[in-house]
Amino acid sequence: MKEYDLFVPLTENSGKPIDSGKLARLKRRLVDIFGGLTNFPQENEGFWKVGPVLFRDKIIIYRVLADDDSRASQTLHQIKNEMKMDWGQSEVLIIARDVETV
């Protein structure tokens, strides 16, 4: 089984807040596709450097689990590309890890 964490930006690269409707639609879509979702609604900050410039992003995390990691990976790549285009992002971080349920 794979666990995927989507680091969901709360602002576009321009600094404009992401529309709350987009967040709600993404949550619904993930639940429809994966059958569930864990929402970590506390606001987090991400930092990264490109050359001498330090960037900061406010994010929340959505976590999903999948048995079929090939299909999940393909679906999440599609969602990532859509978010980059529709949400004004240069990149969207999605982390995958193997997990075992008890």
PDB file of N, CA and C in Angstrom:
ATOM      1  N   MET A   1       0.851  -1.171   0.000  1.00  0.00           N
ATOM      2  CA  MET A   1       0.000   0.000   0.000  1.00  0.00           C
ATOM      3  C   MET A   1       0.897   1.235   0.000  1.00  0.00           C
ATOM      4  N   LYS A   2       0.453   2.266  -0.716  1.00  0.00           N
ATOM      5  CA  LYS A   2       1.194   3.538  -0.763  1.00  0.00           C
ATOM      6  C   LYS A   2       0.378   4.630  -0.084  1.00  0.00           C
ATOM      7  N   GLU A   3       1.113   5.520   0.527  1.00  0.00           N
ATOM      8  CA  GLU A   3       0.544   6.711   1.148  1.00  0.00           C
ATOM      9  C   GLU A   3       1.100   7.912   0.371  1.00  0.00           C
ATOM     10  N   TYR A   4       0.214   8.832   0.025  1.00  0.00           N
ATOM     11  CA  TYR A   4       0.611  10.018  -0.728  1.00  0.00           C
ATOM     12  C   TYR A   4       0.240  11.266   0.067  1.00  0.00           C
ATOM     13  N   ASP A   5       1.200  12.158   0.235  1.00  0.00           N
ATOM     14  CA  ASP A   5       0.959  13.466   0.849  1.00  0.00           C
ATOM     15  C   ASP A   5       1.032  14.529  -0.235  1.00  0.00           C
ATOM     16  N   LEU A   6      -0.050  15.269  -0.384  1.00  0.00           N
ATOM     17  CA  LEU A   6      -0.091  16.393  -1.316  1.00  0.00           C
ATOM     18  C   LEU A   6       0.105  17.665  -0.514  1.00  0.00           C
ATOM     19  N   PHE A   7       1.135  18.382  -0.827  1.00  0.00           N
ATOM     20  CA  PHE A   7       1.419  19.655  -0.175  1.00  0.00           C
ATOM     21  C   PHE A   7       0.680  20.723  -0.977  1.00  0.00           C
ATOM     22  N   VAL A   8      -0.488  21.094  -0.484  1.00  0.00           N
ATOM     23  CA  VAL A   8      -1.427  21.930  -1.224  1.00  0.00           C
ATOM     24  C   VAL A   8      -1.164  23.402  -0.904  1.00  0.00           C
ATOM     25  N   PRO A   9      -0.787  24.176  -1.918  1.00  0.00           N
ATOM     26  CA  PRO A   9      -0.497  25.592  -1.687  1.00  0.00           C
ATOM     27  C   PRO A   9      -1.766  26.378  -1.378  1.00  0.00           C
ATOM     28  N   LEU A  10      -1.617  27.370  -0.525  1.00  0.00           N
ATOM     29  CA  LEU A  10      -2.741  28.240  -0.184  1.00  0.00           C
ATOM     30  C   LEU A  10      -2.699  29.570  -0.934  1.00  0.00           C
ATOM     31  N   THR A  11      -1.601  29.789  -1.667  1.00  0.00           N
ATOM     32  CA  THR A  11      -1.492  30.994  -2.496  1.00  0.00           C
ATOM     33  C   THR A  11      -0.870  30.627  -3.841  1.00  0.00           C
ATOM     34  N   GLU A  12      -1.210  31.427  -4.847  1.00  0.00           N
ATOM     35  CA  GLU A  12      -0.563  31.295  -6.140  1.00  0.00           C
ATOM     36  C   GLU A  12       0.853  31.847  -6.029  1.00  0.00           C
ATOM     37  N   ASN A  13       1.684  31.585  -7.019  1.00  0.00           N
ATOM     38  CA  ASN A  13       3.038  32.136  -7.006  1.00  0.00           C
ATOM     39  C   ASN A  13       3.016  33.655  -6.934  1.00  0.00           C
ATOM     40  N   SER A  14       1.959  34.272  -7.432  1.00  0.00           N
ATOM     41  CA  SER A  14       1.830  35.735  -7.405  1.00  0.00           C
ATOM     42  C   SER A  14       1.505  36.256  -6.008  1.00  0.00           C
ATOM     43  N   GLY A  15       1.124  35.341  -5.083  1.00  0.00           N
ATOM     44  CA  GLY A  15       0.741  35.744  -3.734  1.00  0.00           C
ATOM     45  C   GLY A  15      -0.761  35.810  -3.527  1.00  0.00           C
ATOM     46  N   LYS A  16      -1.524  35.697  -4.603  1.00  0.00           N
ATOM     47  CA  LYS A  16      -2.986  35.717  -4.518  1.00  0.00           C
ATOM     48  C   LYS A  16      -3.476  34.427  -3.844  1.00  0.00           C
ATOM     49  N   PRO A  17      -4.404  34.543  -2.878  1.00  0.00           N
ATOM     50  CA  PRO A  17      -4.926  33.340  -2.205  1.00  0.00           C
ATOM     51  C   PRO A  17      -5.639  32.399  -3.182  1.00  0.00           C
ATOM     52  N   ILE A  18      -5.455  31.104  -2.966  1.00  0.00           N
ATOM     53  CA  ILE A  18      -6.171  30.096  -3.747  1.00  0.00           C
ATOM     54  C   ILE A  18      -7.643  30.153  -3.351  1.00  0.00           C
ATOM     55  N   ASP A  19      -8.517  30.131  -4.327  1.00  0.00           N
ATOM     56  CA  ASP A  19      -9.956  30.153  -4.091  1.00  0.00           C
ATOM     57  C   ASP A  19     -10.368  28.938  -3.256  1.00  0.00           C
ATOM     58  N   SER A  20     -11.167  29.158  -2.221  1.00  0.00           N
ATOM     59  CA  SER A  20     -11.589  28.071  -1.333  1.00  0.00           C
ATOM     60  C   SER A  20     -12.379  27.004  -2.086  1.00  0.00           C
ATOM     61  N   GLY A  21     -13.053  27.392  -3.160  1.00  0.00           N
ATOM     62  CA  GLY A  21     -13.778  26.421  -3.982  1.00  0.00           C
ATOM     63  C   GLY A  21     -12.839  25.421  -4.633  1.00  0.00           C
ATOM     64  N   LYS A  22     -11.641  25.873  -5.028  1.00  0.00           N
ATOM     65  CA  LYS A  22     -10.663  24.958  -5.614  1.00  0.00           C
ATOM     66  C   LYS A  22     -10.203  23.932  -4.585  1.00  0.00           C
ATOM     67  N   LEU A  23     -10.007  24.390  -3.354  1.00  0.00           N
ATOM     68  CA  LEU A  23      -9.607  23.466  -2.287  1.00  0.00           C
ATOM     69  C   LEU A  23     -10.697  22.433  -2.034  1.00  0.00           C
ATOM     70  N   ALA A  24     -11.947  22.881  -1.986  1.00  0.00           N
ATOM     71  CA  ALA A  24     -13.071  21.972  -1.740  1.00  0.00           C
ATOM     72  C   ALA A  24     -13.219  20.968  -2.878  1.00  0.00           C
ATOM     73  N   ARG A  25     -13.074  21.429  -4.120  1.00  0.00           N
ATOM     74  CA  ARG A  25     -13.185  20.523  -5.270  1.00  0.00           C
ATOM     75  C   ARG A  25     -12.060  19.495  -5.276  1.00  0.00           C
ATOM     76  N   LEU A  26     -10.839  19.918  -4.901  1.00  0.00           N
ATOM     77  CA  LEU A  26      -9.724  18.975  -4.842  1.00  0.00           C
ATOM     78  C   LEU A  26      -9.980  17.908  -3.780  1.00  0.00           C
ATOM     79  N   LYS A  27     -10.464  18.313  -2.616  1.00  0.00           N
ATOM     80  CA  LYS A  27     -10.772  17.331  -1.555  1.00  0.00           C
ATOM     81  C   LYS A  27     -11.822  16.333  -2.034  1.00  0.00           C
ATOM     82  N   ARG A  28     -12.900  16.837  -2.634  1.00  0.00           N
ATOM     83  CA  ARG A  28     -13.961  15.950  -3.130  1.00  0.00           C
ATOM     84  C   ARG A  28     -13.414  14.977  -4.174  1.00  0.00           C
ATOM     85  N   ARG A  29     -12.606  15.507  -5.070  1.00  0.00           N
ATOM     86  CA  ARG A  29     -12.043  14.664  -6.131  1.00  0.00           C
ATOM     87  C   ARG A  29     -11.163  13.562  -5.546  1.00  0.00           C
ATOM     88  N   LEU A  30     -10.330  13.900  -4.587  1.00  0.00           N
ATOM     89  CA  LEU A  30      -9.467  12.890  -3.968  1.00  0.00           C
ATOM     90  C   LEU A  30     -10.279  11.830  -3.237  1.00  0.00           C
ATOM     91  N   VAL A  31     -11.326  12.233  -2.542  1.00  0.00           N
ATOM     92  CA  VAL A  31     -12.194  11.266  -1.856  1.00  0.00           C
ATOM     93  C   VAL A  31     -12.869  10.360  -2.883  1.00  0.00           C
ATOM     94  N   ASP A  32     -13.350  10.949  -3.983  1.00  0.00           N
ATOM     95  CA  ASP A  32     -14.004  10.146  -5.021  1.00  0.00           C
ATOM     96  C   ASP A  32     -13.038   9.127  -5.630  1.00  0.00           C
ATOM     97  N   ILE A  33     -11.809   9.531  -5.863  1.00  0.00           N
ATOM     98  CA  ILE A  33     -10.822   8.659  -6.512  1.00  0.00           C
ATOM     99  C   ILE A  33     -10.262   7.617  -5.548  1.00  0.00           C
ATOM    100  N   PHE A  34      -9.893   8.051  -4.339  1.00  0.00           N
ATOM    101  CA  PHE A  34      -9.183   7.168  -3.412  1.00  0.00           C
ATOM    102  C   PHE A  34     -10.076   6.581  -2.320  1.00  0.00           C
ATOM    103  N   GLY A  35     -11.305   7.036  -2.230  1.00  0.00           N
ATOM    104  CA  GLY A  35     -12.231   6.492  -1.241  1.00  0.00           C
ATOM    105  C   GLY A  35     -12.079   7.089   0.140  1.00  0.00           C
ATOM    106  N   GLY A  36     -11.175   8.043   0.305  1.00  0.00           N
ATOM    107  CA  GLY A  36     -10.977   8.688   1.595  1.00  0.00           C
ATOM    108  C   GLY A  36      -9.848   9.692   1.514  1.00  0.00           C
ATOM    109  N   LEU A  37      -9.709  10.466   2.578  1.00  0.00           N
ATOM    110  CA  LEU A  37      -8.701  11.516   2.622  1.00  0.00           C
ATOM    111  C   LEU A  37      -8.484  11.910   4.064  1.00  0.00           C
ATOM    112  N   THR A  38      -7.242  12.179   4.419  1.00  0.00           N
ATOM    113  CA  THR A  38      -6.945  12.790   5.705  1.00  0.00           C
ATOM    114  C   THR A  38      -6.504  14.211   5.424  1.00  0.00           C
ATOM    115  N   ASN A  39      -7.147  15.152   6.085  1.00  0.00           N
ATOM    116  CA  ASN A  39      -6.869  16.570   5.887  1.00  0.00           C
ATOM    117  C   ASN A  39      -6.099  17.086   7.093  1.00  0.00           C
ATOM    118  N   PHE A  40      -4.925  17.636   6.846  1.00  0.00           N
ATOM    119  CA  PHE A  40      -4.143  18.293   7.890  1.00  0.00           C
ATOM    120  C   PHE A  40      -4.328  19.795   7.679  1.00  0.00           C
ATOM    121  N   PRO A  41      -5.381  20.374   8.278  1.00  0.00           N
ATOM    122  CA  PRO A  41      -5.767  21.751   7.947  1.00  0.00           C
ATOM    123  C   PRO A  41      -4.880  22.828   8.565  1.00  0.00           C
ATOM    124  N   GLN A  42      -4.022  22.464   9.515  1.00  0.00           N
ATOM    125  CA  GLN A  42      -3.167  23.491  10.099  1.00  0.00           C
ATOM    126  C   GLN A  42      -2.239  24.026   9.016  1.00  0.00           C
ATOM    127  N   GLU A  43      -2.118  25.322   8.984  1.00  0.00           N
ATOM    128  CA  GLU A  43      -1.282  25.970   7.985  1.00  0.00           C
ATOM    129  C   GLU A  43       0.190  25.710   8.295  1.00  0.00           C
ATOM    130  N   ASN A  44       0.932  25.302   7.277  1.00  0.00           N
ATOM    131  CA  ASN A  44       2.366  25.050   7.387  1.00  0.00           C
ATOM    132  C   ASN A  44       3.103  25.977   6.440  1.00  0.00           C
ATOM    133  N   GLU A  45       4.400  26.116   6.655  1.00  0.00           N
ATOM    134  CA  GLU A  45       5.222  26.915   5.761  1.00  0.00           C
ATOM    135  C   GLU A  45       6.295  26.041   5.141  1.00  0.00           C
ATOM    136  N   GLY A  46       6.499  26.243   3.855  1.00  0.00           N
ATOM    137  CA  GLY A  46       7.592  25.587   3.158  1.00  0.00           C
ATOM    138  C   GLY A  46       8.583  26.646   2.701  1.00  0.00           C
ATOM    139  N   PHE A  47       9.857  26.313   2.767  1.00  0.00           N
ATOM    140  CA  PHE A  47      10.920  27.229   2.346  1.00  0.00           C
ATOM    141  C   PHE A  47      11.837  26.509   1.374  1.00  0.00           C
ATOM    142  N   TRP A  48      12.291  27.192   0.357  1.00  0.00           N
ATOM    143  CA  TRP A  48      13.282  26.649  -0.547  1.00  0.00           C
ATOM    144  C   TRP A  48      14.054  27.789  -1.188  1.00  0.00           C
ATOM    145  N   LYS A  49      15.285  27.468  -1.596  1.00  0.00           N
ATOM    146  CA  LYS A  49      16.162  28.471  -2.189  1.00  0.00           C
ATOM    147  C   LYS A  49      16.414  28.138  -3.654  1.00  0.00           C
ATOM    148  N   VAL A  50      16.415  29.186  -4.459  1.00  0.00           N
ATOM    149  CA  VAL A  50      16.858  29.099  -5.839  1.00  0.00           C
ATOM    150  C   VAL A  50      17.935  30.161  -5.971  1.00  0.00           C
ATOM    151  N   GLY A  51      19.177  29.710  -6.052  1.00  0.00           N
ATOM    152  CA  GLY A  51      20.291  30.662  -6.023  1.00  0.00           C
ATOM    153  C   GLY A  51      20.274  31.390  -4.687  1.00  0.00           C
ATOM    154  N   PRO A  52      20.392  32.708  -4.711  1.00  0.00           N
ATOM    155  CA  PRO A  52      20.411  33.459  -3.458  1.00  0.00           C
ATOM    156  C   PRO A  52      19.010  33.836  -2.940  1.00  0.00           C
ATOM    157  N   VAL A  53      17.975  33.471  -3.699  1.00  0.00           N
ATOM    158  CA  VAL A  53      16.618  33.893  -3.351  1.00  0.00           C
ATOM    159  C   VAL A  53      15.916  32.824  -2.512  1.00  0.00           C
ATOM    160  N   LEU A  54      15.374  33.228  -1.369  1.00  0.00           N
ATOM    161  CA  LEU A  54      14.616  32.336  -0.493  1.00  0.00           C
ATOM    162  C   LEU A  54      13.129  32.527  -0.761  1.00  0.00           C
ATOM    163  N   PHE A  55      12.433  31.436  -1.066  1.00  0.00           N
ATOM    164  CA  PHE A  55      10.997  31.463  -1.305  1.00  0.00           C
ATOM    165  C   PHE A  55      10.291  30.852  -0.108  1.00  0.00           C
ATOM    166  N   ARG A  56       9.054  31.312   0.128  1.00  0.00           N
ATOM    167  CA  ARG A  56       8.234  30.800   1.228  1.00  0.00           C
ATOM    168  C   ARG A  56       6.838  30.556   0.692  1.00  0.00           C
ATOM    169  N   ASP A  57       6.235  29.465   1.136  1.00  0.00           N
ATOM    170  CA  ASP A  57       4.894  29.107   0.688  1.00  0.00           C
ATOM    171  C   ASP A  57       4.082  28.642   1.885  1.00  0.00           C
ATOM    172  N   LYS A  58       2.819  29.030   1.933  1.00  0.00           N
ATOM    173  CA  LYS A  58       1.901  28.510   2.942  1.00  0.00           C
ATOM    174  C   LYS A  58       1.149  27.340   2.314  1.00  0.00           C
ATOM    175  N   ILE A  59       1.094  26.226   3.067  1.00  0.00           N
ATOM    176  CA  ILE A  59       0.474  25.011   2.542  1.00  0.00           C
ATOM    177  C   ILE A  59      -0.369  24.321   3.613  1.00  0.00           C
ATOM    178  N   ILE A  60      -1.238  23.428   3.136  1.00  0.00           N
ATOM    179  CA  ILE A  60      -1.881  22.422   3.978  1.00  0.00           C
ATOM    180  C   ILE A  60      -1.569  21.076   3.334  1.00  0.00           C
ATOM    181  N   ILE A  61      -1.823  19.999   4.049  1.00  0.00           N
ATOM    182  CA  ILE A  61      -1.487  18.676   3.536  1.00  0.00           C
ATOM    183  C   ILE A  61      -2.745  17.810   3.454  1.00  0.00           C
ATOM    184  N   TYR A  62      -2.918  17.182   2.285  1.00  0.00           N
ATOM    185  CA  TYR A  62      -3.962  16.177   2.091  1.00  0.00           C
ATOM    186  C   TYR A  62      -3.250  14.838   1.921  1.00  0.00           C
ATOM    187  N   ARG A  63      -3.706  13.817   2.647  1.00  0.00           N
ATOM    188  CA  ARG A  63      -3.096  12.479   2.569  1.00  0.00           C
ATOM    189  C   ARG A  63      -4.126  11.481   2.064  1.00  0.00           C
ATOM    190  N   VAL A  64      -3.700  10.641   1.123  1.00  0.00           N
ATOM    191  CA  VAL A  64      -4.550   9.567   0.608  1.00  0.00           C
ATOM    192  C   VAL A  64      -3.760   8.266   0.616  1.00  0.00           C
ATOM    193  N   LEU A  65      -4.473   7.144   0.633  1.00  0.00           N
ATOM    194  CA  LEU A  65      -3.880   5.803   0.569  1.00  0.00           C
ATOM    195  C   LEU A  65      -4.373   5.110  -0.689  1.00  0.00           C
ATOM    196  N   ALA A  66      -3.513   4.253  -1.267  1.00  0.00           N
ATOM    197  CA  ALA A  66      -3.896   3.542  -2.480  1.00  0.00           C
ATOM    198  C   ALA A  66      -3.272   2.158  -2.507  1.00  0.00           C
ATOM    199  N   ASP A  67      -4.064   1.178  -2.926  1.00  0.00           N
ATOM    200  CA  ASP A  67      -3.552  -0.176  -3.123  1.00  0.00           C
ATOM    201  C   ASP A  67      -2.875  -0.308  -4.488  1.00  0.00           C
ATOM    202  N   ASP A  68      -3.435   0.340  -5.493  1.00  0.00           N
ATOM    203  CA  ASP A  68      -2.910   0.280  -6.859  1.00  0.00           C
ATOM    204  C   ASP A  68      -2.021   1.504  -7.086  1.00  0.00           C
ATOM    205  N   ASP A  69      -0.732   1.355  -6.756  1.00  0.00           N
ATOM    206  CA  ASP A  69       0.143   2.524  -6.803  1.00  0.00           C
ATOM    207  C   ASP A  69       0.415   3.011  -8.222  1.00  0.00           C
ATOM    208  N   SER A  70       0.333   2.149  -9.213  1.00  0.00           N
ATOM    209  CA  SER A  70       0.549   2.577 -10.596  1.00  0.00           C
ATOM    210  C   SER A  70      -0.566   3.528 -11.036  1.00  0.00           C
ATOM    211  N   ARG A  71      -1.796   3.125 -10.780  1.00  0.00           N
ATOM    212  CA  ARG A  71      -2.950   3.971 -11.135  1.00  0.00           C
ATOM    213  C   ARG A  71      -2.943   5.254 -10.301  1.00  0.00           C
ATOM    214  N   ALA A  72      -2.647   5.142  -9.015  1.00  0.00           N
ATOM    215  CA  ALA A  72      -2.622   6.313  -8.135  1.00  0.00           C
ATOM    216  C   ALA A  72      -1.565   7.306  -8.593  1.00  0.00           C
ATOM    217  N   SER A  73      -0.387   6.806  -8.930  1.00  0.00           N
ATOM    218  CA  SER A  73       0.695   7.677  -9.374  1.00  0.00           C
ATOM    219  C   SER A  73       0.321   8.415 -10.654  1.00  0.00           C
ATOM    220  N   GLN A  74      -0.283   7.709 -11.580  1.00  0.00           N
ATOM    221  CA  GLN A  74      -0.719   8.324 -12.836  1.00  0.00           C
ATOM    222  C   GLN A  74      -1.769   9.407 -12.563  1.00  0.00           C
ATOM    223  N   THR A  75      -2.739   9.103 -11.711  1.00  0.00           N
ATOM    224  CA  THR A  75      -3.796  10.060 -11.366  1.00  0.00           C
ATOM    225  C   THR A  75      -3.218  11.290 -10.676  1.00  0.00           C
ATOM    226  N   LEU A  76      -2.291  11.073  -9.747  1.00  0.00           N
ATOM    227  CA  LEU A  76      -1.712  12.195  -9.010  1.00  0.00           C
ATOM    228  C   LEU A  76      -0.823  13.060  -9.901  1.00  0.00           C
ATOM    229  N   HIS A  77      -0.152  12.460 -10.878  1.00  0.00           N
ATOM    230  CA  HIS A  77       0.617  13.262 -11.839  1.00  0.00           C
ATOM    231  C   HIS A  77      -0.323  14.174 -12.637  1.00  0.00           C
ATOM    232  N   GLN A  78      -1.472  13.637 -13.005  1.00  0.00           N
ATOM    233  CA  GLN A  78      -2.463  14.438 -13.732  1.00  0.00           C
ATOM    234  C   GLN A  78      -2.968  15.593 -12.861  1.00  0.00           C
ATOM    235  N   ILE A  79      -3.303  15.289 -11.600  1.00  0.00           N
ATOM    236  CA  ILE A  79      -3.771  16.325 -10.673  1.00  0.00           C
ATOM    237  C   ILE A  79      -2.687  17.376 -10.471  1.00  0.00           C
ATOM    238  N   LYS A  80      -1.459  16.938 -10.315  1.00  0.00           N
ATOM    239  CA  LYS A  80      -0.333  17.854 -10.127  1.00  0.00           C
ATOM    240  C   LYS A  80      -0.208  18.809 -11.313  1.00  0.00           C
ATOM    241  N   ASN A  81      -0.255  18.273 -12.526  1.00  0.00           N
ATOM    242  CA  ASN A  81      -0.145  19.120 -13.715  1.00  0.00           C
ATOM    243  C   ASN A  81      -1.299  20.111 -13.811  1.00  0.00           C
ATOM    244  N   GLU A  82      -2.499  19.663 -13.463  1.00  0.00           N
ATOM    245  CA  GLU A  82      -3.656  20.560 -13.466  1.00  0.00           C
ATOM    246  C   GLU A  82      -3.486  21.671 -12.431  1.00  0.00           C
ATOM    247  N   MET A  83      -2.995  21.309 -11.246  1.00  0.00           N
ATOM    248  CA  MET A  83      -2.782  22.318 -10.203  1.00  0.00           C
ATOM    249  C   MET A  83      -1.727  23.337 -10.636  1.00  0.00           C
ATOM    250  N   LYS A  84      -0.677  22.869 -11.285  1.00  0.00           N
ATOM    251  CA  LYS A  84       0.356  23.793 -11.738  1.00  0.00           C
ATOM    252  C   LYS A  84      -0.227  24.806 -12.721  1.00  0.00           C
ATOM    253  N   MET A  85      -1.070  24.342 -13.620  1.00  0.00           N
ATOM    254  CA  MET A  85      -1.658  25.240 -14.621  1.00  0.00           C
ATOM    255  C   MET A  85      -2.768  26.102 -14.028  1.00  0.00           C
ATOM    256  N   ASP A  86      -3.723  25.465 -13.350  1.00  0.00           N
ATOM    257  CA  ASP A  86      -4.928  26.157 -12.882  1.00  0.00           C
ATOM    258  C   ASP A  86      -4.719  26.950 -11.592  1.00  0.00           C
ATOM    259  N   TRP A  87      -3.712  26.597 -10.810  1.00  0.00           N
ATOM    260  CA  TRP A  87      -3.510  27.235  -9.516  1.00  0.00           C
ATOM    261  C   TRP A  87      -2.331  28.203  -9.530  1.00  0.00           C
ATOM    262  N   GLY A  88      -1.730  28.408 -10.694  1.00  0.00           N
ATOM    263  CA  GLY A  88      -0.627  29.357 -10.788  1.00  0.00           C
ATOM    264  C   GLY A  88       0.604  28.938 -10.010  1.00  0.00           C
ATOM    265  N   GLN A  89       0.976  27.642 -10.120  1.00  0.00           N
ATOM    266  CA  GLN A  89       2.131  27.113  -9.386  1.00  0.00           C
ATOM    267  C   GLN A  89       3.245  26.741 -10.351  1.00  0.00           C
ATOM    268  N   SER A  90       4.483  26.960  -9.942  1.00  0.00           N
ATOM    269  CA  SER A  90       5.605  26.481 -10.752  1.00  0.00           C
ATOM    270  C   SER A  90       5.901  25.020 -10.424  1.00  0.00           C
ATOM    271  N   GLU A  91       5.514  24.585  -9.220  1.00  0.00           N
ATOM    272  CA  GLU A  91       5.711  23.193  -8.811  1.00  0.00           C
ATOM    273  C   GLU A  91       4.719  22.855  -7.705  1.00  0.00           C
ATOM    274  N   VAL A  92       4.356  21.574  -7.607  1.00  0.00           N
ATOM    275  CA  VAL A  92       3.499  21.064  -6.538  1.00  0.00           C
ATOM    276  C   VAL A  92       4.174  19.802  -6.001  1.00  0.00           C
ATOM    277  N   LEU A  93       4.401  19.754  -4.694  1.00  0.00           N
ATOM    278  CA  LEU A  93       5.089  18.624  -4.079  1.00  0.00           C
ATOM    279  C   LEU A  93       4.086  17.542  -3.674  1.00  0.00           C
ATOM    280  N   ILE A  94       4.357  16.323  -4.137  1.00  0.00           N
ATOM    281  CA  ILE A  94       3.596  15.140  -3.724  1.00  0.00           C
ATOM    282  C   ILE A  94       4.614  14.091  -3.315  1.00  0.00           C
ATOM    283  N   ILE A  95       4.481  13.587  -2.098  1.00  0.00           N
ATOM    284  CA  ILE A  95       5.412  12.590  -1.569  1.00  0.00           C
ATOM    285  C   ILE A  95       4.695  11.245  -1.481  1.00  0.00           C
ATOM    286  N   ALA A  96       5.370  10.183  -1.924  1.00  0.00           N
ATOM    287  CA  ALA A  96       4.825   8.824  -1.850  1.00  0.00           C
ATOM    288  C   ALA A  96       5.713   7.987  -0.940  1.00  0.00           C
ATOM    289  N   ARG A  97       5.068   7.161  -0.125  1.00  0.00           N
ATOM    290  CA  ARG A  97       5.828   6.226   0.708  1.00  0.00           C
ATOM    291  C   ARG A  97       5.060   4.915   0.852  1.00  0.00           C
ATOM    292  N   ASP A  98       5.823   3.851   0.994  1.00  0.00           N
ATOM    293  CA  ASP A  98       5.230   2.548   1.255  1.00  0.00           C
ATOM    294  C   ASP A  98       4.780   2.512   2.708  1.00  0.00           C
ATOM    295  N   VAL A  99       3.571   2.005   2.933  1.00  0.00           N
ATOM    296  CA  VAL A  99       3.063   1.862   4.288  1.00  0.00           C
ATOM    297  C   VAL A  99       2.412   0.487   4.443  1.00  0.00           C
ATOM    298  N   GLU A 100       2.285   0.100   5.682  1.00  0.00           N
ATOM    299  CA  GLU A 100       1.617  -1.145   6.025  1.00  0.00           C
ATOM    300  C   GLU A 100       0.612  -0.835   7.121  1.00  0.00           C
ATOM    301  N   THR A 101      -0.622  -1.266   6.940  1.00  0.00           N
ATOM    302  CA  THR A 101      -1.619  -1.032   7.974  1.00  0.00           C
ATOM    303  C   THR A 101      -1.610  -2.199   8.956  1.00  0.00           C
ATOM    304  N   VAL A 102      -1.981  -1.916  10.190  1.00  0.00           N
ATOM    305  CA  VAL A 102      -1.968  -2.926  11.253  1.00  0.00           C
ATOM    306  C   VAL A 102      -3.394  -3.295  11.600  1.00  0.00           C
TER     307      VAL A 102
END
